[in-house]
């Protein structure tokens, strides 16, 4: 591991320390976990954006669209 320096507002640091204490981990572990979670969310958003742009370039046929709606629908609820 490498050591990095991060500047935080006093209130954010206080909240981080309280959360770390509550979950019985140290501040560094809390920040590592938070950064991992944030990077994962960013990757998912990037993939969703790529998929959205792909569908704009090549729109799904009506049959494909209805199939996707059916897959994504709650059981027992019909697509409009």
PDB file of N, CA and C in Angstrom:
ATOM      1  N   UNK A   1       0.846  -1.183   0.000  1.00  0.00           N
ATOM      2  CA  UNK A   1       0.000   0.000   0.000  1.00  0.00           C
ATOM      3  C   UNK A   1       0.884   1.237   0.000  1.00  0.00           C
ATOM      4  N   UNK A   2       0.306   2.300  -0.502  1.00  0.00           N
ATOM      5  CA  UNK A   2       1.002   3.574  -0.489  1.00  0.00           C
ATOM      6  C   UNK A   2       0.245   4.552   0.389  1.00  0.00           C
ATOM      7  N   UNK A   3       0.974   5.493   0.927  1.00  0.00           N
ATOM      8  CA  UNK A   3       0.380   6.535   1.746  1.00  0.00           C
ATOM      9  C   UNK A   3       0.091   7.738   0.866  1.00  0.00           C
ATOM     10  N   UNK A   4      -1.117   8.294   1.016  1.00  0.00           N
ATOM     11  CA  UNK A   4      -1.494   9.502   0.290  1.00  0.00           C
ATOM     12  C   UNK A   4      -2.009  10.524   1.292  1.00  0.00           C
ATOM     13  N   UNK A   5      -1.950  11.764   0.889  1.00  0.00           N
ATOM     14  CA  UNK A   5      -2.456  12.832   1.747  1.00  0.00           C
ATOM     15  C   UNK A   5      -3.749  13.353   1.137  1.00  0.00           C
ATOM     16  N   UNK A   6      -4.791  13.449   1.950  1.00  0.00           N
ATOM     17  CA  UNK A   6      -6.089  13.932   1.499  1.00  0.00           C
ATOM     18  C   UNK A   6      -6.524  15.056   2.428  1.00  0.00           C
ATOM     19  N   UNK A   7      -7.005  16.127   1.847  1.00  0.00           N
ATOM     20  CA  UNK A   7      -7.484  17.259   2.636  1.00  0.00           C
ATOM     21  C   UNK A   7      -9.002  17.159   2.746  1.00  0.00           C
ATOM     22  N   UNK A   8      -9.521  17.162   3.970  1.00  0.00           N
ATOM     23  CA  UNK A   8     -10.952  17.058   4.222  1.00  0.00           C
ATOM     24  C   UNK A   8     -11.421  18.227   5.075  1.00  0.00           C
ATOM     25  N   UNK A   9     -12.661  18.612   4.862  1.00  0.00           N
ATOM     26  CA  UNK A   9     -13.271  19.620   5.726  1.00  0.00           C
ATOM     27  C   UNK A   9     -13.398  19.033   7.133  1.00  0.00           C
ATOM     28  N   UNK A  10     -13.312  19.854   8.155  1.00  0.00           N
ATOM     29  CA  UNK A  10     -13.388  19.339   9.536  1.00  0.00           C
ATOM     30  C   UNK A  10     -14.640  18.503   9.810  1.00  0.00           C
ATOM     31  N   UNK A  11     -15.788  18.930   9.302  1.00  0.00           N
ATOM     32  CA  UNK A  11     -17.026  18.192   9.565  1.00  0.00           C
ATOM     33  C   UNK A  11     -17.012  16.827   8.875  1.00  0.00           C
ATOM     34  N   UNK A  12     -16.481  16.759   7.656  1.00  0.00           N
ATOM     35  CA  UNK A  12     -16.385  15.484   6.948  1.00  0.00           C
ATOM     36  C   UNK A  12     -15.439  14.532   7.678  1.00  0.00           C
ATOM     37  N   UNK A  13     -14.343  15.048   8.164  1.00  0.00           N
ATOM     38  CA  UNK A  13     -13.393  14.233   8.925  1.00  0.00           C
ATOM     39  C   UNK A  13     -14.040  13.722  10.214  1.00  0.00           C
ATOM     40  N   UNK A  14     -14.788  14.580  10.877  1.00  0.00           N
ATOM     41  CA  UNK A  14     -15.477  14.192  12.119  1.00  0.00           C
ATOM     42  C   UNK A  14     -16.481  13.065  11.824  1.00  0.00           C
ATOM     43  N   UNK A  15     -17.253  13.222  10.749  1.00  0.00           N
ATOM     44  CA  UNK A  15     -18.228  12.192  10.388  1.00  0.00           C
ATOM     45  C   UNK A  15     -17.536  10.878  10.016  1.00  0.00           C
ATOM     46  N   UNK A  16     -16.423  10.978   9.298  1.00  0.00           N
ATOM     47  CA  UNK A  16     -15.671   9.772   8.922  1.00  0.00           C
ATOM     48  C   UNK A  16     -15.153   9.060  10.165  1.00  0.00           C
ATOM     49  N   UNK A  17     -14.622   9.809  11.096  1.00  0.00           N
ATOM     50  CA  UNK A  17     -14.101   9.201  12.317  1.00  0.00           C
ATOM     51  C   UNK A  17     -15.211   8.536  13.127  1.00  0.00           C
ATOM     52  N   UNK A  18     -16.377   9.169  13.184  1.00  0.00           N
ATOM     53  CA  UNK A  18     -17.509   8.579  13.906  1.00  0.00           C
ATOM     54  C   UNK A  18     -17.969   7.284  13.222  1.00  0.00           C
ATOM     55  N   UNK A  19     -18.047   7.301  11.898  1.00  0.00           N
ATOM     56  CA  UNK A  19     -18.465   6.110  11.158  1.00  0.00           C
ATOM     57  C   UNK A  19     -17.449   4.982  11.334  1.00  0.00           C
ATOM     58  N   UNK A  20     -16.176   5.312  11.270  1.00  0.00           N
ATOM     59  CA  UNK A  20     -15.129   4.300  11.444  1.00  0.00           C
ATOM     60  C   UNK A  20     -15.228   3.668  12.832  1.00  0.00           C
ATOM     61  N   UNK A  21     -15.411   4.508  13.832  1.00  0.00           N
ATOM     62  CA  UNK A  21     -15.510   4.004  15.198  1.00  0.00           C
ATOM     63  C   UNK A  21     -16.742   3.111  15.361  1.00  0.00           C
ATOM     64  N   UNK A  22     -17.863   3.552  14.794  1.00  0.00           N
ATOM     65  CA  UNK A  22     -19.108   2.786  14.888  1.00  0.00           C
ATOM     66  C   UNK A  22     -18.965   1.409  14.245  1.00  0.00           C
ATOM     67  N   UNK A  23     -18.219   1.324  13.161  1.00  0.00           N
ATOM     68  CA  UNK A  23     -18.083   0.064  12.428  1.00  0.00           C
ATOM     69  C   UNK A  23     -16.796  -0.688  12.778  1.00  0.00           C
ATOM     70  N   UNK A  24     -16.115  -0.199  13.797  1.00  0.00           N
ATOM     71  CA  UNK A  24     -14.916  -0.867  14.320  1.00  0.00           C
ATOM     72  C   UNK A  24     -13.828  -1.064  13.253  1.00  0.00           C
ATOM     73  N   UNK A  25     -13.614  -0.016  12.457  1.00  0.00           N
ATOM     74  CA  UNK A  25     -12.528  -0.020  11.477  1.00  0.00           C
ATOM     75  C   UNK A  25     -11.759   1.284  11.627  1.00  0.00           C
ATOM     76  N   UNK A  26     -10.565   1.336  11.077  1.00  0.00           N
ATOM     77  CA  UNK A  26      -9.831   2.594  11.186  1.00  0.00           C
ATOM     78  C   UNK A  26     -10.209   3.529  10.032  1.00  0.00           C
ATOM     79  N   UNK A  27      -9.807   4.760  10.147  1.00  0.00           N
ATOM     80  CA  UNK A  27     -10.143   5.788   9.163  1.00  0.00           C
ATOM     81  C   UNK A  27      -9.679   5.387   7.766  1.00  0.00           C
ATOM     82  N   UNK A  28      -8.477   4.852   7.657  1.00  0.00           N
ATOM     83  CA  UNK A  28      -7.960   4.465   6.345  1.00  0.00           C
ATOM     84  C   UNK A  28      -8.822   3.389   5.697  1.00  0.00           C
ATOM     85  N   UNK A  29      -9.237   2.413   6.471  1.00  0.00           N
ATOM     86  CA  UNK A  29     -10.094   1.346   5.932  1.00  0.00           C
ATOM     87  C   UNK A  29     -11.430   1.915   5.465  1.00  0.00           C
ATOM     88  N   UNK A  30     -11.984   2.829   6.240  1.00  0.00           N
ATOM     89  CA  UNK A  30     -13.248   3.466   5.866  1.00  0.00           C
ATOM     90  C   UNK A  30     -13.101   4.200   4.533  1.00  0.00           C
ATOM     91  N   UNK A  31     -12.033   4.964   4.389  1.00  0.00           N
ATOM     92  CA  UNK A  31     -11.818   5.729   3.163  1.00  0.00           C
ATOM     93  C   UNK A  31     -11.551   4.795   1.982  1.00  0.00           C
ATOM     94  N   UNK A  32     -10.773   3.729   2.188  1.00  0.00           N
ATOM     95  CA  UNK A  32     -10.532   2.762   1.104  1.00  0.00           C
ATOM     96  C   UNK A  32     -11.841   2.136   0.640  1.00  0.00           C
ATOM     97  N   UNK A  33     -12.673   1.704   1.608  1.00  0.00           N
ATOM     98  CA  UNK A  33     -13.961   1.088   1.256  1.00  0.00           C
ATOM     99  C   UNK A  33     -14.853   2.073   0.507  1.00  0.00           C
ATOM    100  N   UNK A  34     -14.900   3.302   0.987  1.00  0.00           N
ATOM    101  CA  UNK A  34     -15.729   4.323   0.344  1.00  0.00           C
ATOM    102  C   UNK A  34     -15.241   4.607  -1.078  1.00  0.00           C
ATOM    103  N   UNK A  35     -13.944   4.665  -1.260  1.00  0.00           N
ATOM    104  CA  UNK A  35     -13.380   4.921  -2.585  1.00  0.00           C
ATOM    105  C   UNK A  35     -13.668   3.756  -3.528  1.00  0.00           C
ATOM    106  N   UNK A  36     -13.524   2.521  -3.034  1.00  0.00           N
ATOM    107  CA  UNK A  36     -13.850   1.355  -3.859  1.00  0.00           C
ATOM    108  C   UNK A  36     -15.313   1.395  -4.307  1.00  0.00           C
ATOM    109  N   UNK A  37     -16.209   1.674  -3.360  1.00  0.00           N
ATOM    110  CA  UNK A  37     -17.643   1.745  -3.687  1.00  0.00           C
ATOM    111  C   UNK A  37     -17.916   2.848  -4.708  1.00  0.00           C
ATOM    112  N   UNK A  38     -17.296   3.991  -4.517  1.00  0.00           N
ATOM    113  CA  UNK A  38     -17.516   5.109  -5.441  1.00  0.00           C
ATOM    114  C   UNK A  38     -16.994   4.781  -6.836  1.00  0.00           C
ATOM    115  N   UNK A  39     -15.818   4.190  -6.922  1.00  0.00           N
ATOM    116  CA  UNK A  39     -15.255   3.825  -8.226  1.00  0.00           C
ATOM    117  C   UNK A  39     -16.121   2.778  -8.923  1.00  0.00           C
ATOM    118  N   UNK A  40     -16.685   1.851  -8.152  1.00  0.00           N
ATOM    119  CA  UNK A  40     -17.589   0.853  -8.729  1.00  0.00           C
ATOM    120  C   UNK A  40     -18.827   1.528  -9.310  1.00  0.00           C
ATOM    121  N   UNK A  41     -19.407   2.490  -8.570  1.00  0.00           N
ATOM    122  CA  UNK A  41     -20.576   3.223  -9.074  1.00  0.00           C
ATOM    123  C   UNK A  41     -20.240   3.987 -10.347  1.00  0.00           C
ATOM    124  N   UNK A  42     -19.057   4.589 -10.385  1.00  0.00           N
ATOM    125  CA  UNK A  42     -18.636   5.326 -11.577  1.00  0.00           C
ATOM    126  C   UNK A  42     -18.508   4.376 -12.771  1.00  0.00           C
ATOM    127  N   UNK A  43     -17.919   3.189 -12.567  1.00  0.00           N
ATOM    128  CA  UNK A  43     -17.789   2.215 -13.659  1.00  0.00           C
ATOM    129  C   UNK A  43     -19.166   1.800 -14.174  1.00  0.00           C
ATOM    130  N   UNK A  44     -20.092   1.571 -13.272  1.00  0.00           N
ATOM    131  CA  UNK A  44     -21.453   1.183 -13.670  1.00  0.00           C
ATOM    132  C   UNK A  44     -22.108   2.309 -14.464  1.00  0.00           C
ATOM    133  N   UNK A  45     -21.982   3.551 -13.989  1.00  0.00           N
ATOM    134  CA  UNK A  45     -22.547   4.685 -14.720  1.00  0.00           C
ATOM    135  C   UNK A  45     -21.929   4.820 -16.101  1.00  0.00           C
ATOM    136  N   UNK A  46     -20.622   4.608 -16.199  1.00  0.00           N
ATOM    137  CA  UNK A  46     -19.944   4.675 -17.503  1.00  0.00           C
ATOM    138  C   UNK A  46     -20.473   3.600 -18.444  1.00  0.00           C
ATOM    139  N   UNK A  47     -20.640   2.372 -17.935  1.00  0.00           N
ATOM    140  CA  UNK A  47     -21.174   1.286 -18.761  1.00  0.00           C
ATOM    141  C   UNK A  47     -22.606   1.566 -19.199  1.00  0.00           C
ATOM    142  N   UNK A  48     -23.411   2.120 -18.288  1.00  0.00           N
ATOM    143  CA  UNK A  48     -24.789   2.461 -18.638  1.00  0.00           C
ATOM    144  C   UNK A  48     -24.821   3.537 -19.714  1.00  0.00           C
ATOM    145  N   UNK A  49     -23.917   4.501 -19.620  1.00  0.00           N
ATOM    146  CA  UNK A  49     -23.843   5.567 -20.624  1.00  0.00           C
ATOM    147  C   UNK A  49     -23.422   4.994 -21.977  1.00  0.00           C
ATOM    148  N   UNK A  50     -22.442   4.089 -21.976  1.00  0.00           N
ATOM    149  CA  UNK A  50     -22.018   3.449 -23.223  1.00  0.00           C
ATOM    150  C   UNK A  50     -23.180   2.685 -23.856  1.00  0.00           C
ATOM    151  N   UNK A  51     -23.940   1.975 -23.035  1.00  0.00           N
ATOM    152  CA  UNK A  51     -25.077   1.214 -23.542  1.00  0.00           C
ATOM    153  C   UNK A  51     -26.150   2.152 -24.103  1.00  0.00           C
ATOM    154  N   UNK A  52     -26.409   3.246 -23.387  1.00  0.00           N
ATOM    155  CA  UNK A  52     -27.398   4.219 -23.848  1.00  0.00           C
ATOM    156  C   UNK A  52     -26.989   4.798 -25.200  1.00  0.00           C
ATOM    157  N   UNK A  53     -25.720   5.147 -25.342  1.00  0.00           N
ATOM    158  CA  UNK A  53     -25.234   5.706 -26.603  1.00  0.00           C
ATOM    159  C   UNK A  53     -25.300   4.675 -27.723  1.00  0.00           C
ATOM    160  N   UNK A  54     -25.025   3.416 -27.409  1.00  0.00           N
ATOM    161  CA  UNK A  54     -25.111   2.363 -28.423  1.00  0.00           C
ATOM    162  C   UNK A  54     -26.540   2.220 -28.923  1.00  0.00           C
ATOM    163  N   UNK A  55     -27.514   2.262 -28.014  1.00  0.00           N
ATOM    164  CA  UNK A  55     -28.911   2.147 -28.422  1.00  0.00           C
ATOM    165  C   UNK A  55     -29.373   3.378 -29.197  1.00  0.00           C
ATOM    166  N   UNK A  56     -28.760   4.526 -28.950  1.00  0.00           N
ATOM    167  CA  UNK A  56     -29.096   5.703 -29.752  1.00  0.00           C
ATOM    168  C   UNK A  56     -28.586   5.528 -31.178  1.00  0.00           C
ATOM    169  N   UNK A  57     -27.412   4.907 -31.328  1.00  0.00           N
ATOM    170  CA  UNK A  57     -26.844   4.680 -32.659  1.00  0.00           C
ATOM    171  C   UNK A  57     -27.618   3.602 -33.412  1.00  0.00           C
ATOM    172  N   UNK A  58     -27.989   2.535 -32.695  1.00  0.00           N
ATOM    173  CA  UNK A  58     -28.688   1.406 -33.310  1.00  0.00           C
ATOM    174  C   UNK A  58     -29.908   1.094 -32.443  1.00  0.00           C
ATOM    175  N   UNK A  59     -31.020   1.768 -32.681  1.00  0.00           N
ATOM    176  CA  UNK A  59     -32.190   1.547 -31.834  1.00  0.00           C
ATOM    177  C   UNK A  59     -32.711   0.113 -31.940  1.00  0.00           C
ATOM    178  N   UNK A  60     -33.246  -0.378 -30.857  1.00  0.00           N
ATOM    179  CA  UNK A  60     -33.816  -1.721 -30.824  1.00  0.00           C
ATOM    180  C   UNK A  60     -35.088  -1.740 -31.672  1.00  0.00           C
ATOM    181  N   UNK A  61     -35.382  -2.890 -32.268  1.00  0.00           N
ATOM    182  CA  UNK A  61     -36.643  -3.043 -32.987  1.00  0.00           C
ATOM    183  C   UNK A  61     -37.771  -3.059 -31.956  1.00  0.00           C
ATOM    184  N   UNK A  62     -38.981  -2.903 -32.412  1.00  0.00           N
ATOM    185  CA  UNK A  62     -40.134  -2.913 -31.503  1.00  0.00           C
ATOM    186  C   UNK A  62     -40.236  -4.271 -30.788  1.00  0.00           C
ATOM    187  N   UNK A  63     -39.930  -5.353 -31.489  1.00  0.00           N
ATOM    188  CA  UNK A  63     -39.979  -6.694 -30.884  1.00  0.00           C
ATOM    189  C   UNK A  63     -38.942  -6.797 -29.768  1.00  0.00           C
ATOM    190  N   UNK A  64     -37.714  -6.323 -30.033  1.00  0.00           N
ATOM    191  CA  UNK A  64     -36.668  -6.348 -29.008  1.00  0.00           C
ATOM    192  C   UNK A  64     -37.059  -5.479 -27.815  1.00  0.00           C
ATOM    193  N   UNK A  65     -37.631  -4.328 -28.113  1.00  0.00           N
ATOM    194  CA  UNK A  65     -38.037  -3.410 -27.049  1.00  0.00           C
ATOM    195  C   UNK A  65     -39.084  -4.053 -26.144  1.00  0.00           C
ATOM    196  N   UNK A  66     -40.082  -4.698 -26.741  1.00  0.00           N
ATOM    197  CA  UNK A  66     -41.124  -5.365 -25.949  1.00  0.00           C
ATOM    198  C   UNK A  66     -40.547  -6.519 -25.131  1.00  0.00           C
ATOM    199  N   UNK A  67     -39.601  -7.251 -25.701  1.00  0.00           N
ATOM    200  CA  UNK A  67     -38.967  -8.358 -24.978  1.00  0.00           C
ATOM    201  C   UNK A  67     -38.204  -7.822 -23.774  1.00  0.00           C
ATOM    202  N   UNK A  68     -37.484  -6.718 -23.951  1.00  0.00           N
ATOM    203  CA  UNK A  68     -36.735  -6.133 -22.827  1.00  0.00           C
ATOM    204  C   UNK A  68     -37.671  -5.627 -21.745  1.00  0.00           C
ATOM    205  N   UNK A  69     -38.779  -5.013 -22.135  1.00  0.00           N
ATOM    206  CA  UNK A  69     -39.760  -4.535 -21.154  1.00  0.00           C
ATOM    207  C   UNK A  69     -40.329  -5.710 -20.372  1.00  0.00           C
ATOM    208  N   UNK A  70     -40.603  -6.804 -21.071  1.00  0.00           N
ATOM    209  CA  UNK A  70     -41.147  -8.001 -20.406  1.00  0.00           C
ATOM    210  C   UNK A  70     -40.150  -8.573 -19.402  1.00  0.00           C
ATOM    211  N   UNK A  71     -38.891  -8.631 -19.790  1.00  0.00           N
ATOM    212  CA  UNK A  71     -37.848  -9.148 -18.892  1.00  0.00           C
ATOM    213  C   UNK A  71     -37.715  -8.274 -17.653  1.00  0.00           C
ATOM    214  N   UNK A  72     -37.802  -6.948 -17.835  1.00  0.00           N
ATOM    215  CA  UNK A  72     -37.585  -6.011 -16.737  1.00  0.00           C
ATOM    216  C   UNK A  72     -38.829  -5.788 -15.880  1.00  0.00           C
ATOM    217  N   UNK A  73     -39.973  -6.311 -16.315  1.00  0.00           N
ATOM    218  CA  UNK A  73     -41.232  -6.064 -15.602  1.00  0.00           C
ATOM    219  C   UNK A  73     -41.380  -6.976 -14.386  1.00  0.00           C
ATOM    220  N   UNK A  74     -42.174  -6.505 -13.446  1.00  0.00           N
ATOM    221  CA  UNK A  74     -42.509  -7.322 -12.282  1.00  0.00           C
ATOM    222  C   UNK A  74     -43.408  -8.446 -12.732  1.00  0.00           C
ATOM    223  N   UNK A  75     -43.286  -9.622 -12.145  1.00  0.00           N
ATOM    224  CA  UNK A  75     -44.171 -10.737 -12.513  1.00  0.00           C
ATOM    225  C   UNK A  75     -45.634 -10.353 -12.317  1.00  0.00           C
ATOM    226  N   UNK A  76     -46.464 -10.730 -13.285  1.00  0.00           N
ATOM    227  CA  UNK A  76     -47.892 -10.453 -13.184  1.00  0.00           C
ATOM    228  C   UNK A  76     -48.276  -9.061 -13.643  1.00  0.00           C
ATOM    229  N   UNK A  77     -47.305  -8.218 -14.028  1.00  0.00           N
ATOM    230  CA  UNK A  77     -47.619  -6.874 -14.509  1.00  0.00           C
ATOM    231  C   UNK A  77     -47.295  -6.844 -15.997  1.00  0.00           C
ATOM    232  N   UNK A  78     -48.311  -6.566 -16.815  1.00  0.00           N
ATOM    233  CA  UNK A  78     -48.106  -6.586 -18.264  1.00  0.00           C
ATOM    234  C   UNK A  78     -47.607  -5.247 -18.757  1.00  0.00           C
ATOM    235  N   UNK A  79     -46.770  -5.293 -19.818  1.00  0.00           N
ATOM    236  CA  UNK A  79     -46.239  -4.080 -20.451  1.00  0.00           C
ATOM    237  C   UNK A  79     -47.370  -3.400 -21.220  1.00  0.00           C
ATOM    238  N   UNK A  80     -47.282  -2.100 -21.329  1.00  0.00           N
ATOM    239  CA  UNK A  80     -48.307  -1.346 -22.071  1.00  0.00           C
ATOM    240  C   UNK A  80     -48.026  -1.365 -23.541  1.00  0.00           C
TER     241      UNK A  80
END
